[in-house]
């Protein structure tokens, strides 16, 4: 059954020399360790979803998160001190400030758990 999907991620284009054929690209990707045995020009996903064809260009999916169909509230700290967030919600039941509050609280709980795990590992060694 089809359903709505929501994903956020990071991708990097796999760069090839000018004029390289699709078959040559597939050979090169195989040499790099990707399984592209079922690939053809009409497939969107290659290498079990780790590669994606977009307008004859190939992108490597570096990271990806799939979100639940319901509300989404996710935030991450950036090196410059800012916070990036992604929110998805029905605006008849809540608003941005509430969702951002949830996202930041979730991020901070995750940071606390990470710090606690680091302390525990340090104590064991």
PDB file of N, CA and C in Angstrom:
ATOM      1  N   UNK A   1       0.844  -1.183   0.000  1.00  0.00           N
ATOM      2  CA  UNK A   1       0.000   0.000   0.000  1.00  0.00           C
ATOM      3  C   UNK A   1       0.886   1.242   0.000  1.00  0.00           C
ATOM      4  N   UNK A   2       0.531   2.208  -0.774  1.00  0.00           N
ATOM      5  CA  UNK A   2       1.277   3.457  -0.832  1.00  0.00           C
ATOM      6  C   UNK A   2       0.919   4.339   0.345  1.00  0.00           C
ATOM      7  N   UNK A   3       1.887   5.123   0.782  1.00  0.00           N
ATOM      8  CA  UNK A   3       1.643   6.072   1.861  1.00  0.00           C
ATOM      9  C   UNK A   3       2.613   7.234   1.721  1.00  0.00           C
ATOM     10  N   UNK A   4       2.328   8.296   2.418  1.00  0.00           N
ATOM     11  CA  UNK A   4       3.199   9.460   2.399  1.00  0.00           C
ATOM     12  C   UNK A   4       4.474   9.151   3.156  1.00  0.00           C
ATOM     13  N   UNK A   5       5.606   9.575   2.593  1.00  0.00           N
ATOM     14  CA  UNK A   5       6.890   9.423   3.268  1.00  0.00           C
ATOM     15  C   UNK A   5       7.483  10.799   3.477  1.00  0.00           C
ATOM     16  N   UNK A   6       8.215  10.947   4.559  1.00  0.00           N
ATOM     17  CA  UNK A   6       8.943  12.184   4.800  1.00  0.00           C
ATOM     18  C   UNK A   6      10.354  11.797   5.184  1.00  0.00           C
ATOM     19  N   UNK A   7      11.323  12.338   4.470  1.00  0.00           N
ATOM     20  CA  UNK A   7      12.730  12.018   4.719  1.00  0.00           C
ATOM     21  C   UNK A   7      13.550  13.299   4.702  1.00  0.00           C
ATOM     22  N   UNK A   8      14.612  13.277   5.465  1.00  0.00           N
ATOM     23  CA  UNK A   8      15.607  14.349   5.427  1.00  0.00           C
ATOM     24  C   UNK A   8      16.951  13.670   5.318  1.00  0.00           C
ATOM     25  N   UNK A   9      17.860  14.242   4.560  1.00  0.00           N
ATOM     26  CA  UNK A   9      19.139  13.577   4.396  1.00  0.00           C
ATOM     27  C   UNK A   9      20.196  14.465   3.807  1.00  0.00           C
ATOM     28  N   UNK A  10      21.296  13.828   3.479  1.00  0.00           N
ATOM     29  CA  UNK A  10      22.437  14.516   2.906  1.00  0.00           C
ATOM     30  C   UNK A  10      22.972  13.642   1.790  1.00  0.00           C
ATOM     31  N   UNK A  11      23.232  14.232   0.617  1.00  0.00           N
ATOM     32  CA  UNK A  11      23.713  13.479  -0.536  1.00  0.00           C
ATOM     33  C   UNK A  11      24.892  14.215  -1.161  1.00  0.00           C
ATOM     34  N   UNK A  12      25.745  13.449  -1.838  1.00  0.00           N
ATOM     35  CA  UNK A  12      26.905  14.016  -2.517  1.00  0.00           C
ATOM     36  C   UNK A  12      26.959  13.438  -3.915  1.00  0.00           C
ATOM     37  N   UNK A  13      27.158  14.295  -4.905  1.00  0.00           N
ATOM     38  CA  UNK A  13      27.226  13.814  -6.279  1.00  0.00           C
ATOM     39  C   UNK A  13      28.513  13.027  -6.485  1.00  0.00           C
ATOM     40  N   UNK A  14      28.380  11.874  -7.156  1.00  0.00           N
ATOM     41  CA  UNK A  14      29.533  11.087  -7.571  1.00  0.00           C
ATOM     42  C   UNK A  14      29.969  11.678  -8.903  1.00  0.00           C
ATOM     43  N   UNK A  15      31.157  12.240  -8.955  1.00  0.00           N
ATOM     44  CA  UNK A  15      31.615  12.974 -10.127  1.00  0.00           C
ATOM     45  C   UNK A  15      32.374  12.040 -11.070  1.00  0.00           C
ATOM     46  N   UNK A  16      32.008  12.099 -12.334  1.00  0.00           N
ATOM     47  CA  UNK A  16      32.655  11.316 -13.388  1.00  0.00           C
ATOM     48  C   UNK A  16      33.223  12.275 -14.428  1.00  0.00           C
ATOM     49  N   UNK A  17      34.163  11.793 -15.213  1.00  0.00           N
ATOM     50  CA  UNK A  17      34.710  12.588 -16.322  1.00  0.00           C
ATOM     51  C   UNK A  17      33.609  12.870 -17.337  1.00  0.00           C
ATOM     52  N   UNK A  18      33.751  13.951 -18.068  1.00  0.00           N
ATOM     53  CA  UNK A  18      32.789  14.328 -19.108  1.00  0.00           C
ATOM     54  C   UNK A  18      32.690  13.221 -20.148  1.00  0.00           C
ATOM     55  N   UNK A  19      31.493  12.898 -20.602  1.00  0.00           N
ATOM     56  CA  UNK A  19      31.288  11.943 -21.680  1.00  0.00           C
ATOM     57  C   UNK A  19      31.346  10.483 -21.282  1.00  0.00           C
ATOM     58  N   UNK A  20      31.389  10.175 -19.997  1.00  0.00           N
ATOM     59  CA  UNK A  20      31.434   8.783 -19.544  1.00  0.00           C
ATOM     60  C   UNK A  20      30.043   8.169 -19.702  1.00  0.00           C
ATOM     61  N   UNK A  21      29.975   6.991 -20.306  1.00  0.00           N
ATOM     62  CA  UNK A  21      28.682   6.328 -20.534  1.00  0.00           C
ATOM     63  C   UNK A  21      28.128   5.767 -19.226  1.00  0.00           C
ATOM     64  N   UNK A  22      26.831   5.453 -19.247  1.00  0.00           N
ATOM     65  CA  UNK A  22      26.185   4.863 -18.075  1.00  0.00           C
ATOM     66  C   UNK A  22      26.877   3.545 -17.695  1.00  0.00           C
ATOM     67  N   UNK A  23      27.203   2.718 -18.689  1.00  0.00           N
ATOM     68  CA  UNK A  23      27.878   1.433 -18.424  1.00  0.00           C
ATOM     69  C   UNK A  23      29.239   1.659 -17.771  1.00  0.00           C
ATOM     70  N   UNK A  24      29.969   2.665 -18.223  1.00  0.00           N
ATOM     71  CA  UNK A  24      31.269   2.969 -17.623  1.00  0.00           C
ATOM     72  C   UNK A  24      31.106   3.463 -16.180  1.00  0.00           C
ATOM     73  N   UNK A  25      30.062   4.243 -15.947  1.00  0.00           N
ATOM     74  CA  UNK A  25      29.784   4.700 -14.579  1.00  0.00           C
ATOM     75  C   UNK A  25      29.509   3.502 -13.672  1.00  0.00           C
ATOM     76  N   UNK A  26      28.705   2.548 -14.165  1.00  0.00           N
ATOM     77  CA  UNK A  26      28.381   1.373 -13.368  1.00  0.00           C
ATOM     78  C   UNK A  26      29.638   0.546 -13.077  1.00  0.00           C
ATOM     79  N   UNK A  27      30.513   0.420 -14.044  1.00  0.00           N
ATOM     80  CA  UNK A  27      31.765  -0.307 -13.856  1.00  0.00           C
ATOM     81  C   UNK A  27      32.610   0.371 -12.784  1.00  0.00           C
ATOM     82  N   UNK A  28      32.707   1.684 -12.856  1.00  0.00           N
ATOM     83  CA  UNK A  28      33.489   2.430 -11.863  1.00  0.00           C
ATOM     84  C   UNK A  28      32.894   2.275 -10.461  1.00  0.00           C
ATOM     85  N   UNK A  29      31.567   2.343 -10.369  1.00  0.00           N
ATOM     86  CA  UNK A  29      30.920   2.176  -9.064  1.00  0.00           C
ATOM     87  C   UNK A  29      31.160   0.779  -8.508  1.00  0.00           C
ATOM     88  N   UNK A  30      31.171  -0.243  -9.379  1.00  0.00           N
ATOM     89  CA  UNK A  30      31.475  -1.607  -8.952  1.00  0.00           C
ATOM     90  C   UNK A  30      32.896  -1.670  -8.401  1.00  0.00           C
ATOM     91  N   UNK A  31      33.829  -0.998  -9.076  1.00  0.00           N
ATOM     92  CA  UNK A  31      35.217  -0.955  -8.607  1.00  0.00           C
ATOM     93  C   UNK A  31      35.330  -0.276  -7.245  1.00  0.00           C
ATOM     94  N   UNK A  32      34.427   0.653  -6.966  1.00  0.00           N
ATOM     95  CA  UNK A  32      34.414   1.331  -5.666  1.00  0.00           C
ATOM     96  C   UNK A  32      33.725   0.506  -4.581  1.00  0.00           C
ATOM     97  N   UNK A  33      33.149  -0.654  -4.971  1.00  0.00           N
ATOM     98  CA  UNK A  33      32.532  -1.541  -3.991  1.00  0.00           C
ATOM     99  C   UNK A  33      31.025  -1.499  -3.910  1.00  0.00           C
ATOM    100  N   UNK A  34      30.380  -0.773  -4.801  1.00  0.00           N
ATOM    101  CA  UNK A  34      28.922  -0.716  -4.808  1.00  0.00           C
ATOM    102  C   UNK A  34      28.357  -1.886  -5.607  1.00  0.00           C
ATOM    103  N   UNK A  35      27.253  -2.454  -5.116  1.00  0.00           N
ATOM    104  CA  UNK A  35      26.566  -3.518  -5.843  1.00  0.00           C
ATOM    105  C   UNK A  35      25.545  -2.865  -6.771  1.00  0.00           C
ATOM    106  N   UNK A  36      25.869  -2.819  -8.047  1.00  0.00           N
ATOM    107  CA  UNK A  36      24.979  -2.189  -9.027  1.00  0.00           C
ATOM    108  C   UNK A  36      24.558  -3.193 -10.096  1.00  0.00           C
ATOM    109  N   UNK A  37      24.546  -4.481  -9.744  1.00  0.00           N
ATOM    110  CA  UNK A  37      24.266  -5.536 -10.727  1.00  0.00           C
ATOM    111  C   UNK A  37      22.886  -5.415 -11.340  1.00  0.00           C
ATOM    112  N   UNK A  38      21.922  -4.854 -10.629  1.00  0.00           N
ATOM    113  CA  UNK A  38      20.559  -4.750 -11.158  1.00  0.00           C
ATOM    114  C   UNK A  38      20.271  -3.367 -11.738  1.00  0.00           C
ATOM    115  N   UNK A  39      21.284  -2.571 -11.915  1.00  0.00           N
ATOM    116  CA  UNK A  39      21.084  -1.181 -12.340  1.00  0.00           C
ATOM    117  C   UNK A  39      20.815  -1.076 -13.833  1.00  0.00           C
ATOM    118  N   UNK A  40      19.963  -0.168 -14.195  1.00  0.00           N
ATOM    119  CA  UNK A  40      19.787   0.251 -15.575  1.00  0.00           C
ATOM    120  C   UNK A  40      19.375   1.719 -15.560  1.00  0.00           C
ATOM    121  N   UNK A  41      19.347   2.352 -16.701  1.00  0.00           N
ATOM    122  CA  UNK A  41      19.107   3.783 -16.757  1.00  0.00           C
ATOM    123  C   UNK A  41      17.733   4.203 -16.234  1.00  0.00           C
ATOM    124  N   UNK A  42      16.798   3.269 -16.113  1.00  0.00           N
ATOM    125  CA  UNK A  42      15.458   3.609 -15.651  1.00  0.00           C
ATOM    126  C   UNK A  42      15.279   3.454 -14.148  1.00  0.00           C
ATOM    127  N   UNK A  43      16.275   2.912 -13.475  1.00  0.00           N
ATOM    128  CA  UNK A  43      16.167   2.734 -12.018  1.00  0.00           C
ATOM    129  C   UNK A  43      16.514   4.027 -11.300  1.00  0.00           C
ATOM    130  N   UNK A  44      15.767   4.340 -10.279  1.00  0.00           N
ATOM    131  CA  UNK A  44      16.096   5.509  -9.469  1.00  0.00           C
ATOM    132  C   UNK A  44      17.101   5.163  -8.379  1.00  0.00           C
ATOM    133  N   UNK A  45      16.981   3.989  -7.813  1.00  0.00           N
ATOM    134  CA  UNK A  45      17.854   3.615  -6.709  1.00  0.00           C
ATOM    135  C   UNK A  45      18.820   2.535  -7.134  1.00  0.00           C
ATOM    136  N   UNK A  46      20.061   2.673  -6.715  1.00  0.00           N
ATOM    137  CA  UNK A  46      21.114   1.706  -6.971  1.00  0.00           C
ATOM    138  C   UNK A  46      21.743   1.313  -5.641  1.00  0.00           C
ATOM    139  N   UNK A  47      22.429   0.179  -5.632  1.00  0.00           N
ATOM    140  CA  UNK A  47      23.212  -0.237  -4.467  1.00  0.00           C
ATOM    141  C   UNK A  47      22.380  -0.200  -3.191  1.00  0.00           C
ATOM    142  N   UNK A  48      21.230  -0.849  -3.225  1.00  0.00           N
ATOM    143  CA  UNK A  48      20.339  -0.929  -2.062  1.00  0.00           C
ATOM    144  C   UNK A  48      19.989   0.442  -1.485  1.00  0.00           C
ATOM    145  N   UNK A  49      19.772   1.399  -2.362  1.00  0.00           N
ATOM    146  CA  UNK A  49      19.357   2.720  -1.910  1.00  0.00           C
ATOM    147  C   UNK A  49      20.497   3.640  -1.519  1.00  0.00           C
ATOM    148  N   UNK A  50      21.733   3.186  -1.592  1.00  0.00           N
ATOM    149  CA  UNK A  50      22.871   4.037  -1.228  1.00  0.00           C
ATOM    150  C   UNK A  50      23.233   5.006  -2.345  1.00  0.00           C
ATOM    151  N   UNK A  51      22.749   4.732  -3.544  1.00  0.00           N
ATOM    152  CA  UNK A  51      22.976   5.615  -4.684  1.00  0.00           C
ATOM    153  C   UNK A  51      21.635   5.949  -5.317  1.00  0.00           C
ATOM    154  N   UNK A  52      21.552   7.116  -5.936  1.00  0.00           N
ATOM    155  CA  UNK A  52      20.305   7.555  -6.558  1.00  0.00           C
ATOM    156  C   UNK A  52      20.629   8.275  -7.864  1.00  0.00           C
ATOM    157  N   UNK A  53      19.887   7.966  -8.928  1.00  0.00           N
ATOM    158  CA  UNK A  53      20.066   8.634 -10.212  1.00  0.00           C
ATOM    159  C   UNK A  53      19.088   9.802 -10.289  1.00  0.00           C
ATOM    160  N   UNK A  54      19.623  10.989 -10.592  1.00  0.00           N
ATOM    161  CA  UNK A  54      18.812  12.187 -10.759  1.00  0.00           C
ATOM    162  C   UNK A  54      19.280  12.871 -12.040  1.00  0.00           C
ATOM    163  N   UNK A  55      18.429  12.867 -13.067  1.00  0.00           N
ATOM    164  CA  UNK A  55      18.772  13.507 -14.346  1.00  0.00           C
ATOM    165  C   UNK A  55      20.140  13.062 -14.866  1.00  0.00           C
ATOM    166  N   UNK A  56      20.353  11.761 -14.944  1.00  0.00           N
ATOM    167  CA  UNK A  56      21.595  11.165 -15.446  1.00  0.00           C
ATOM    168  C   UNK A  56      22.809  11.437 -14.565  1.00  0.00           C
ATOM    169  N   UNK A  57      22.611  11.996 -13.410  1.00  0.00           N
ATOM    170  CA  UNK A  57      23.696  12.199 -12.455  1.00  0.00           C
ATOM    171  C   UNK A  57      23.484  11.215 -11.319  1.00  0.00           C
ATOM    172  N   UNK A  58      24.566  10.748 -10.735  1.00  0.00           N
ATOM    173  CA  UNK A  58      24.465   9.760  -9.659  1.00  0.00           C
ATOM    174  C   UNK A  58      24.883  10.417  -8.353  1.00  0.00           C
ATOM    175  N   UNK A  59      24.049  10.227  -7.337  1.00  0.00           N
ATOM    176  CA  UNK A  59      24.318  10.785  -6.019  1.00  0.00           C
ATOM    177  C   UNK A  59      24.465   9.657  -5.006  1.00  0.00           C
ATOM    178  N   UNK A  60      25.409   9.822  -4.104  1.00  0.00           N
ATOM    179  CA  UNK A  60      25.570   8.891  -2.986  1.00  0.00           C
ATOM    180  C   UNK A  60      24.783   9.467  -1.815  1.00  0.00           C
ATOM    181  N   UNK A  61      23.947   8.631  -1.206  1.00  0.00           N
ATOM    182  CA  UNK A  61      23.189   9.049  -0.036  1.00  0.00           C
ATOM    183  C   UNK A  61      24.101   8.876   1.170  1.00  0.00           C
ATOM    184  N   UNK A  62      24.529   9.983   1.758  1.00  0.00           N
ATOM    185  CA  UNK A  62      25.462   9.933   2.881  1.00  0.00           C
ATOM    186  C   UNK A  62      24.755   9.665   4.195  1.00  0.00           C
ATOM    187  N   UNK A  63      23.604  10.259   4.353  1.00  0.00           N
ATOM    188  CA  UNK A  63      22.802  10.019   5.556  1.00  0.00           C
ATOM    189  C   UNK A  63      21.345  10.290   5.212  1.00  0.00           C
ATOM    190  N   UNK A  64      20.477   9.579   5.885  1.00  0.00           N
ATOM    191  CA  UNK A  64      19.052   9.766   5.621  1.00  0.00           C
ATOM    192  C   UNK A  64      18.264   9.318   6.828  1.00  0.00           C
ATOM    193  N   UNK A  65      17.236  10.065   7.123  1.00  0.00           N
ATOM    194  CA  UNK A  65      16.326   9.711   8.206  1.00  0.00           C
ATOM    195  C   UNK A  65      14.924   9.719   7.633  1.00  0.00           C
ATOM    196  N   UNK A  66      14.212   8.647   7.881  1.00  0.00           N
ATOM    197  CA  UNK A  66      12.811   8.560   7.466  1.00  0.00           C
ATOM    198  C   UNK A  66      11.946   8.877   8.676  1.00  0.00           C
ATOM    199  N   UNK A  67      10.997   9.749   8.493  1.00  0.00           N
ATOM    200  CA  UNK A  67      10.149  10.184   9.589  1.00  0.00           C
ATOM    201  C   UNK A  67       8.816   9.458   9.564  1.00  0.00           C
ATOM    202  N   UNK A  68       8.217   9.331  10.749  1.00  0.00           N
ATOM    203  CA  UNK A  68       6.883   8.749  10.859  1.00  0.00           C
ATOM    204  C   UNK A  68       5.890   9.631  10.124  1.00  0.00           C
ATOM    205  N   UNK A  69       4.754   9.048   9.804  1.00  0.00           N
ATOM    206  CA  UNK A  69       3.712   9.778   9.085  1.00  0.00           C
ATOM    207  C   UNK A  69       3.155  10.915   9.934  1.00  0.00           C
ATOM    208  N   UNK A  70       3.165  10.727  11.234  1.00  0.00           N
ATOM    209  CA  UNK A  70       2.583  11.733  12.139  1.00  0.00           C
ATOM    210  C   UNK A  70       3.523  12.922  12.293  1.00  0.00           C
ATOM    211  N   UNK A  71       3.356  13.668  13.360  1.00  0.00           N
ATOM    212  CA  UNK A  71       4.159  14.858  13.602  1.00  0.00           C
ATOM    213  C   UNK A  71       5.647  14.531  13.676  1.00  0.00           C
ATOM    214  N   UNK A  72       6.462  15.466  13.226  1.00  0.00           N
ATOM    215  CA  UNK A  72       7.913  15.340  13.258  1.00  0.00           C
ATOM    216  C   UNK A  72       8.472  16.568  13.960  1.00  0.00           C
ATOM    217  N   UNK A  73       9.397  16.333  14.880  1.00  0.00           N
ATOM    218  CA  UNK A  73      10.095  17.423  15.558  1.00  0.00           C
ATOM    219  C   UNK A  73      11.523  16.953  15.793  1.00  0.00           C
ATOM    220  N   UNK A  74      12.450  17.448  14.980  1.00  0.00           N
ATOM    221  CA  UNK A  74      13.834  17.010  15.053  1.00  0.00           C
ATOM    222  C   UNK A  74      14.743  18.223  14.993  1.00  0.00           C
ATOM    223  N   UNK A  75      15.798  18.221  15.808  1.00  0.00           N
ATOM    224  CA  UNK A  75      16.740  19.333  15.823  1.00  0.00           C
ATOM    225  C   UNK A  75      18.148  18.799  16.036  1.00  0.00           C
ATOM    226  N   UNK A  76      19.132  19.496  15.461  1.00  0.00           N
ATOM    227  CA  UNK A  76      20.539  19.145  15.655  1.00  0.00           C
ATOM    228  C   UNK A  76      21.349  20.423  15.849  1.00  0.00           C
ATOM    229  N   UNK A  77      22.390  20.306  16.680  1.00  0.00           N
ATOM    230  CA  UNK A  77      23.289  21.436  16.902  1.00  0.00           C
ATOM    231  C   UNK A  77      24.296  21.491  15.777  1.00  0.00           C
ATOM    232  N   UNK A  78      24.602  22.697  15.331  1.00  0.00           N
ATOM    233  CA  UNK A  78      25.605  22.921  14.297  1.00  0.00           C
ATOM    234  C   UNK A  78      26.888  23.435  14.943  1.00  0.00           C
ATOM    235  N   UNK A  79      28.016  23.226  14.283  1.00  0.00           N
ATOM    236  CA  UNK A  79      29.293  23.684  14.846  1.00  0.00           C
ATOM    237  C   UNK A  79      29.344  25.181  15.162  1.00  0.00           C
ATOM    238  N   UNK A  80      28.559  25.978  14.434  1.00  0.00           N
ATOM    239  CA  UNK A  80      28.583  27.426  14.667  1.00  0.00           C
ATOM    240  C   UNK A  80      27.654  27.866  15.805  1.00  0.00           C
ATOM    241  N   UNK A  81      27.050  26.888  16.511  1.00  0.00           N
ATOM    242  CA  UNK A  81      26.180  27.204  17.640  1.00  0.00           C
ATOM    243  C   UNK A  81      24.710  27.337  17.288  1.00  0.00           C
ATOM    244  N   UNK A  82      24.377  27.346  16.001  1.00  0.00           N
ATOM    245  CA  UNK A  82      22.977  27.406  15.599  1.00  0.00           C
ATOM    246  C   UNK A  82      22.343  26.024  15.718  1.00  0.00           C
ATOM    247  N   UNK A  83      21.050  25.967  15.581  1.00  0.00           N
ATOM    248  CA  UNK A  83      20.307  24.709  15.623  1.00  0.00           C
ATOM    249  C   UNK A  83      19.516  24.584  14.335  1.00  0.00           C
ATOM    250  N   UNK A  84      19.706  23.456  13.637  1.00  0.00           N
ATOM    251  CA  UNK A  84      18.894  23.159  12.460  1.00  0.00           C
ATOM    252  C   UNK A  84      17.720  22.311  12.918  1.00  0.00           C
ATOM    253  N   UNK A  85      16.560  22.543  12.342  1.00  0.00           N
ATOM    254  CA  UNK A  85      15.392  21.758  12.740  1.00  0.00           C
ATOM    255  C   UNK A  85      14.532  21.423  11.539  1.00  0.00           C
ATOM    256  N   UNK A  86      13.767  20.342  11.710  1.00  0.00           N
ATOM    257  CA  UNK A  86      12.754  19.964  10.731  1.00  0.00           C
ATOM    258  C   UNK A  86      11.490  19.650  11.519  1.00  0.00           C
ATOM    259  N   UNK A  87      10.402  20.266  11.114  1.00  0.00           N
ATOM    260  CA  UNK A  87       9.128  20.120  11.808  1.00  0.00           C
ATOM    261  C   UNK A  87       8.049  19.758  10.794  1.00  0.00           C
ATOM    262  N   UNK A  88       7.169  18.863  11.189  1.00  0.00           N
ATOM    263  CA  UNK A  88       5.999  18.549  10.367  1.00  0.00           C
ATOM    264  C   UNK A  88       4.840  18.376  11.340  1.00  0.00           C
ATOM    265  N   UNK A  89       3.781  19.119  11.110  1.00  0.00           N
ATOM    266  CA  UNK A  89       2.647  19.081  12.033  1.00  0.00           C
ATOM    267  C   UNK A  89       1.406  19.654  11.367  1.00  0.00           C
ATOM    268  N   UNK A  90       0.276  19.365  11.943  1.00  0.00           N
ATOM    269  CA  UNK A  90      -0.997  19.922  11.496  1.00  0.00           C
ATOM    270  C   UNK A  90      -1.209  21.225  12.247  1.00  0.00           C
ATOM    271  N   UNK A  91      -1.280  22.332  11.518  1.00  0.00           N
ATOM    272  CA  UNK A  91      -1.329  23.622  12.197  1.00  0.00           C
ATOM    273  C   UNK A  91      -2.683  23.955  12.803  1.00  0.00           C
ATOM    274  N   UNK A  92      -3.623  23.040  12.729  1.00  0.00           N
ATOM    275  CA  UNK A  92      -4.903  23.237  13.400  1.00  0.00           C
ATOM    276  C   UNK A  92      -4.868  22.698  14.819  1.00  0.00           C
ATOM    277  N   UNK A  93      -3.779  22.002  15.167  1.00  0.00           N
ATOM    278  CA  UNK A  93      -3.692  21.399  16.498  1.00  0.00           C
ATOM    279  C   UNK A  93      -2.520  21.896  17.311  1.00  0.00           C
ATOM    280  N   UNK A  94      -1.543  22.498  16.682  1.00  0.00           N
ATOM    281  CA  UNK A  94      -0.365  23.019  17.381  1.00  0.00           C
ATOM    282  C   UNK A  94       0.257  24.109  16.523  1.00  0.00           C
ATOM    283  N   UNK A  95       1.367  24.658  16.970  1.00  0.00           N
ATOM    284  CA  UNK A  95       2.039  25.672  16.160  1.00  0.00           C
ATOM    285  C   UNK A  95       3.550  25.494  16.264  1.00  0.00           C
ATOM    286  N   UNK A  96       4.266  26.277  15.475  1.00  0.00           N
ATOM    287  CA  UNK A  96       5.716  26.108  15.354  1.00  0.00           C
ATOM    288  C   UNK A  96       6.439  26.151  16.688  1.00  0.00           C
ATOM    289  N   UNK A  97       6.088  27.066  17.561  1.00  0.00           N
ATOM    290  CA  UNK A  97       6.824  27.207  18.819  1.00  0.00           C
ATOM    291  C   UNK A  97       6.744  25.941  19.666  1.00  0.00           C
ATOM    292  N   UNK A  98       5.562  25.337  19.732  1.00  0.00           N
ATOM    293  CA  UNK A  98       5.404  24.087  20.499  1.00  0.00           C
ATOM    294  C   UNK A  98       6.245  22.967  19.895  1.00  0.00           C
ATOM    295  N   UNK A  99       6.215  22.859  18.578  1.00  0.00           N
ATOM    296  CA  UNK A  99       6.968  21.793  17.913  1.00  0.00           C
ATOM    297  C   UNK A  99       8.476  22.003  18.047  1.00  0.00           C
ATOM    298  N   UNK A 100       8.924  23.254  17.941  1.00  0.00           N
ATOM    299  CA  UNK A 100      10.345  23.539  18.105  1.00  0.00           C
ATOM    300  C   UNK A 100      10.782  23.254  19.539  1.00  0.00           C
ATOM    301  N   UNK A 101       9.935  23.565  20.489  1.00  0.00           N
ATOM    302  CA  UNK A 101      10.224  23.236  21.891  1.00  0.00           C
ATOM    303  C   UNK A 101      10.413  21.724  22.054  1.00  0.00           C
ATOM    304  N   UNK A 102       9.532  20.933  21.422  1.00  0.00           N
ATOM    305  CA  UNK A 102       9.655  19.465  21.481  1.00  0.00           C
ATOM    306  C   UNK A 102      10.953  19.003  20.831  1.00  0.00           C
ATOM    307  N   UNK A 103      11.288  19.578  19.688  1.00  0.00           N
ATOM    308  CA  UNK A 103      12.491  19.174  18.955  1.00  0.00           C
ATOM    309  C   UNK A 103      13.751  19.458  19.775  1.00  0.00           C
ATOM    310  N   UNK A 104      13.820  20.640  20.383  1.00  0.00           N
ATOM    311  CA  UNK A 104      15.003  21.000  21.166  1.00  0.00           C
ATOM    312  C   UNK A 104      15.099  20.151  22.424  1.00  0.00           C
ATOM    313  N   UNK A 105      13.976  19.892  23.070  1.00  0.00           N
ATOM    314  CA  UNK A 105      13.987  19.039  24.256  1.00  0.00           C
ATOM    315  C   UNK A 105      14.468  17.625  23.904  1.00  0.00           C
ATOM    316  N   UNK A 106      14.000  17.106  22.783  1.00  0.00           N
ATOM    317  CA  UNK A 106      14.415  15.771  22.330  1.00  0.00           C
ATOM    318  C   UNK A 106      15.916  15.762  22.028  1.00  0.00           C
ATOM    319  N   UNK A 107      16.413  16.806  21.366  1.00  0.00           N
ATOM    320  CA  UNK A 107      17.832  16.906  21.044  1.00  0.00           C
ATOM    321  C   UNK A 107      18.665  16.954  22.329  1.00  0.00           C
ATOM    322  N   UNK A 108      18.230  17.741  23.300  1.00  0.00           N
ATOM    323  CA  UNK A 108      18.978  17.867  24.554  1.00  0.00           C
ATOM    324  C   UNK A 108      18.964  16.567  25.346  1.00  0.00           C
ATOM    325  N   UNK A 109      17.843  15.831  25.337  1.00  0.00           N
ATOM    326  CA  UNK A 109      17.804  14.511  25.995  1.00  0.00           C
ATOM    327  C   UNK A 109      18.792  13.572  25.329  1.00  0.00           C
ATOM    328  N   UNK A 110      18.838  13.603  24.009  1.00  0.00           N
ATOM    329  CA  UNK A 110      19.759  12.757  23.261  1.00  0.00           C
ATOM    330  C   UNK A 110      21.207  13.122  23.596  1.00  0.00           C
ATOM    331  N   UNK A 111      21.501  14.411  23.702  1.00  0.00           N
ATOM    332  CA  UNK A 111      22.846  14.859  24.074  1.00  0.00           C
ATOM    333  C   UNK A 111      23.208  14.380  25.468  1.00  0.00           C
ATOM    334  N   UNK A 112      22.243  14.451  26.405  1.00  0.00           N
ATOM    335  CA  UNK A 112      22.495  13.986  27.771  1.00  0.00           C
ATOM    336  C   UNK A 112      22.788  12.492  27.789  1.00  0.00           C
ATOM    337  N   UNK A 113      22.029  11.718  27.037  1.00  0.00           N
ATOM    338  CA  UNK A 113      22.252  10.272  26.974  1.00  0.00           C
ATOM    339  C   UNK A 113      23.624   9.990  26.385  1.00  0.00           C
ATOM    340  N   UNK A 114      24.013  10.721  25.365  1.00  0.00           N
ATOM    341  CA  UNK A 114      25.324  10.539  24.741  1.00  0.00           C
ATOM    342  C   UNK A 114      26.440  10.829  25.736  1.00  0.00           C
ATOM    343  N   UNK A 115      26.310  11.909  26.498  1.00  0.00           N
ATOM    344  CA  UNK A 115      27.324  12.248  27.497  1.00  0.00           C
ATOM    345  C   UNK A 115      27.392  11.185  28.590  1.00  0.00           C
ATOM    346  N   UNK A 116      26.229  10.683  29.027  1.00  0.00           N
ATOM    347  CA  UNK A 116      26.195   9.641  30.051  1.00  0.00           C
ATOM    348  C   UNK A 116      26.869   8.371  29.530  1.00  0.00           C
ATOM    349  N   UNK A 117      26.600   8.004  28.307  1.00  0.00           N
ATOM    350  CA  UNK A 117      27.234   6.825  27.691  1.00  0.00           C
ATOM    351  C   UNK A 117      28.744   6.993  27.633  1.00  0.00           C
ATOM    352  N   UNK A 118      29.209   8.184  27.247  1.00  0.00           N
ATOM    353  CA  UNK A 118      30.643   8.443  27.199  1.00  0.00           C
ATOM    354  C   UNK A 118      31.269   8.289  28.591  1.00  0.00           C
ATOM    355  N   UNK A 119      30.601   8.835  29.625  1.00  0.00           N
ATOM    356  CA  UNK A 119      31.132   8.712  30.990  1.00  0.00           C
ATOM    357  C   UNK A 119      31.201   7.255  31.408  1.00  0.00           C
ATOM    358  N   UNK A 120      30.155   6.481  31.100  1.00  0.00           N
ATOM    359  CA  UNK A 120      30.142   5.070  31.475  1.00  0.00           C
ATOM    360  C   UNK A 120      31.259   4.296  30.789  1.00  0.00           C
ATOM    361  N   UNK A 121      31.478   4.566  29.522  1.00  0.00           N
ATOM    362  CA  UNK A 121      32.550   3.878  28.797  1.00  0.00           C
ATOM    363  C   UNK A 121      33.911   4.259  29.350  1.00  0.00           C
ATOM    364  N   UNK A 122      34.067   5.523  29.717  1.00  0.00           N
ATOM    365  CA  UNK A 122      35.335   6.001  30.272  1.00  0.00           C
ATOM    366  C   UNK A 122      35.615   5.310  31.615  1.00  0.00           C
ATOM    367  N   UNK A 123      34.562   5.166  32.457  1.00  0.00           N
ATOM    368  CA  UNK A 123      34.714   4.523  33.761  1.00  0.00           C
ATOM    369  C   UNK A 123      35.086   3.066  33.636  1.00  0.00           C
ATOM    370  N   UNK A 124      34.582   2.381  32.604  1.00  0.00           N
ATOM    371  CA  UNK A 124      34.868   0.964  32.399  1.00  0.00           C
ATOM    372  C   UNK A 124      36.280   0.704  31.893  1.00  0.00           C
ATOM    373  N   UNK A 125      36.897   1.707  31.248  1.00  0.00           N
ATOM    374  CA  UNK A 125      38.230   1.475  30.688  1.00  0.00           C
ATOM    375  C   UNK A 125      39.348   1.865  31.637  1.00  0.00           C
TER     376      UNK A 125
END
